[in-house]
Amino acid sequence: MAVPKRKTSRSRAGKRRSHMKLSSKNIIEDKKSGEYRLSHHLDLKTGLYKGRQVLDKKD
């Protein structure tokens, strides 16, 4: 089993982690309502998902 010979310093770990980008969410505009929502998620306002009524409309 591979084991590191020395402890990774905070500085070195920070340098490595600095390249990880925080990905932006897939935010899209709904075609019918014009509201922004996450892709592959249902619209809570209308209750639609992929053009189908999944939930009752929210008042």
N, C-alpha and C. Protein backbone atom coordinates (compact mmCIF):
# COMPACT_ATOMS: atom_id res chain seq x y z
N MET A 1 0.84 -1.18 0.00
CA MET A 1 0.00 0.00 0.00
C MET A 1 0.89 1.25 0.00
N ALA A 2 0.59 2.18 -0.87
CA ALA A 2 1.39 3.40 -0.98
C ALA A 2 1.04 4.36 0.15
N VAL A 3 2.08 4.83 0.83
CA VAL A 3 1.91 5.75 1.94
C VAL A 3 2.84 6.93 1.71
N PRO A 4 2.33 8.17 1.86
CA PRO A 4 3.20 9.33 1.66
C PRO A 4 4.33 9.36 2.69
N LYS A 5 5.52 9.78 2.24
CA LYS A 5 6.67 9.82 3.13
C LYS A 5 6.58 11.00 4.09
N ARG A 6 5.99 12.10 3.62
CA ARG A 6 5.88 13.30 4.46
C ARG A 6 4.48 13.87 4.44
N LYS A 7 4.18 14.63 5.47
CA LYS A 7 2.87 15.28 5.55
C LYS A 7 2.79 16.39 4.51
N THR A 8 1.65 16.50 3.85
CA THR A 8 1.44 17.57 2.89
C THR A 8 1.14 18.85 3.65
N SER A 9 1.92 19.89 3.39
CA SER A 9 1.73 21.15 4.10
C SER A 9 0.45 21.85 3.64
N ARG A 10 -0.02 22.77 4.47
CA ARG A 10 -1.24 23.52 4.13
C ARG A 10 -1.02 24.31 2.85
N SER A 11 0.17 24.83 2.69
CA SER A 11 0.50 25.62 1.50
C SER A 11 0.41 24.77 0.23
N ARG A 12 1.01 23.61 0.28
CA ARG A 12 1.01 22.73 -0.89
C ARG A 12 -0.41 22.24 -1.20
N ALA A 13 -1.15 21.90 -0.15
CA ALA A 13 -2.52 21.44 -0.35
C ALA A 13 -3.37 22.55 -0.93
N GLY A 14 -3.16 23.77 -0.46
CA GLY A 14 -3.90 24.92 -0.97
C GLY A 14 -3.59 25.19 -2.43
N LYS A 15 -2.33 25.03 -2.81
CA LYS A 15 -1.94 25.23 -4.21
C LYS A 15 -2.63 24.21 -5.11
N ARG A 16 -2.71 22.98 -4.63
CA ARG A 16 -3.35 21.92 -5.41
C ARG A 16 -4.85 22.19 -5.54
N ARG A 17 -5.47 22.61 -4.45
CA ARG A 17 -6.92 22.84 -4.45
C ARG A 17 -7.32 24.10 -5.19
N SER A 18 -6.39 25.02 -5.42
CA SER A 18 -6.74 26.28 -6.06
C SER A 18 -7.19 26.10 -7.50
N HIS A 19 -6.83 24.98 -8.11
CA HIS A 19 -7.19 24.75 -9.50
C HIS A 19 -8.57 24.13 -9.67
N MET A 20 -9.15 23.66 -8.56
CA MET A 20 -10.49 23.10 -8.64
C MET A 20 -11.47 24.24 -8.81
N LYS A 21 -12.23 24.22 -9.87
CA LYS A 21 -13.17 25.30 -10.11
C LYS A 21 -14.53 24.91 -9.56
N LEU A 22 -15.21 25.90 -9.04
CA LEU A 22 -16.58 25.68 -8.61
C LEU A 22 -17.43 25.76 -9.86
N SER A 23 -18.01 24.64 -10.24
CA SER A 23 -18.78 24.61 -11.47
C SER A 23 -20.09 25.35 -11.28
N SER A 24 -20.47 26.10 -12.29
CA SER A 24 -21.75 26.79 -12.22
C SER A 24 -22.86 25.79 -12.51
N LYS A 25 -23.98 25.99 -11.90
CA LYS A 25 -25.10 25.08 -12.08
C LYS A 25 -25.66 25.26 -13.48
N ASN A 26 -26.33 24.23 -13.97
CA ASN A 26 -26.97 24.29 -15.27
C ASN A 26 -28.29 25.02 -15.13
N ILE A 27 -28.24 26.33 -15.22
CA ILE A 27 -29.44 27.13 -15.10
C ILE A 27 -29.94 27.45 -16.51
N ILE A 28 -31.20 27.11 -16.76
CA ILE A 28 -31.78 27.36 -18.07
C ILE A 28 -33.07 28.15 -17.91
N GLU A 29 -33.49 28.77 -19.00
CA GLU A 29 -34.75 29.51 -18.99
C GLU A 29 -35.86 28.57 -19.44
N ASP A 30 -36.93 28.51 -18.67
CA ASP A 30 -38.06 27.66 -19.02
C ASP A 30 -38.73 28.21 -20.27
N LYS A 31 -39.07 27.32 -21.21
CA LYS A 31 -39.64 27.76 -22.48
C LYS A 31 -41.03 28.35 -22.32
N LYS A 32 -41.85 27.76 -21.45
CA LYS A 32 -43.23 28.23 -21.32
C LYS A 32 -43.35 29.44 -20.40
N SER A 33 -42.79 29.32 -19.19
CA SER A 33 -43.00 30.37 -18.20
C SER A 33 -41.95 31.48 -18.27
N GLY A 34 -40.78 31.19 -18.85
CA GLY A 34 -39.73 32.19 -18.91
C GLY A 34 -38.93 32.30 -17.62
N GLU A 35 -39.26 31.47 -16.64
CA GLU A 35 -38.55 31.47 -15.36
C GLU A 35 -37.25 30.68 -15.51
N TYR A 36 -36.28 31.01 -14.68
CA TYR A 36 -35.03 30.27 -14.67
C TYR A 36 -35.15 29.10 -13.70
N ARG A 37 -34.60 27.95 -14.09
CA ARG A 37 -34.62 26.76 -13.24
C ARG A 37 -33.43 25.90 -13.59
N LEU A 38 -33.15 24.91 -12.75
CA LEU A 38 -32.07 23.98 -13.02
C LEU A 38 -32.51 22.98 -14.07
N SER A 39 -31.62 22.65 -14.99
CA SER A 39 -31.97 21.65 -15.99
C SER A 39 -32.10 20.29 -15.34
N HIS A 40 -32.92 19.44 -15.89
CA HIS A 40 -33.23 18.11 -15.37
C HIS A 40 -33.93 18.17 -14.01
N HIS A 41 -34.58 19.29 -13.71
CA HIS A 41 -35.38 19.43 -12.49
C HIS A 41 -36.76 19.92 -12.90
N LEU A 42 -37.76 19.55 -12.13
CA LEU A 42 -39.09 20.01 -12.49
C LEU A 42 -39.31 21.43 -12.03
N ASP A 43 -40.21 22.12 -12.71
CA ASP A 43 -40.54 23.49 -12.37
C ASP A 43 -41.59 23.46 -11.26
N LEU A 44 -41.23 23.93 -10.08
CA LEU A 44 -42.13 23.86 -8.94
C LEU A 44 -43.34 24.77 -9.10
N LYS A 45 -43.18 25.86 -9.86
CA LYS A 45 -44.29 26.80 -10.03
C LYS A 45 -45.41 26.19 -10.86
N THR A 46 -45.04 25.54 -11.97
CA THR A 46 -46.05 24.97 -12.86
C THR A 46 -46.26 23.48 -12.62
N GLY A 47 -45.29 22.80 -12.05
CA GLY A 47 -45.41 21.36 -11.80
C GLY A 47 -45.10 20.53 -13.02
N LEU A 48 -44.46 21.11 -14.02
CA LEU A 48 -44.15 20.39 -15.27
C LEU A 48 -42.73 19.86 -15.25
N TYR A 49 -42.55 18.70 -15.87
CA TYR A 49 -41.23 18.14 -16.11
C TYR A 49 -41.25 17.48 -17.47
N LYS A 50 -40.40 17.93 -18.36
CA LYS A 50 -40.33 17.44 -19.74
C LYS A 50 -41.68 17.52 -20.43
N GLY A 51 -42.42 18.61 -20.17
CA GLY A 51 -43.70 18.82 -20.83
C GLY A 51 -44.87 18.07 -20.22
N ARG A 52 -44.61 17.30 -19.18
CA ARG A 52 -45.67 16.52 -18.53
C ARG A 52 -46.04 17.14 -17.19
N GLN A 53 -47.30 17.08 -16.83
CA GLN A 53 -47.75 17.55 -15.53
C GLN A 53 -47.43 16.48 -14.49
N VAL A 54 -46.50 16.80 -13.57
CA VAL A 54 -46.06 15.86 -12.55
C VAL A 54 -46.67 16.19 -11.19
N LEU A 55 -46.71 17.46 -10.86
CA LEU A 55 -47.27 17.93 -9.59
C LEU A 55 -48.43 18.89 -9.86
N ASP A 56 -49.27 19.09 -8.85
CA ASP A 56 -50.31 20.09 -8.96
C ASP A 56 -49.67 21.47 -8.95
N LYS A 57 -50.32 22.44 -9.61
CA LYS A 57 -49.77 23.80 -9.66
C LYS A 57 -49.72 24.40 -8.27
N LYS A 58 -48.68 25.20 -8.04
CA LYS A 58 -48.51 25.86 -6.76
C LYS A 58 -49.24 27.22 -6.83
N ASP A 59 -50.06 27.51 -5.84
CA ASP A 59 -50.81 28.77 -5.87
C ASP A 59 -50.01 29.91 -5.31
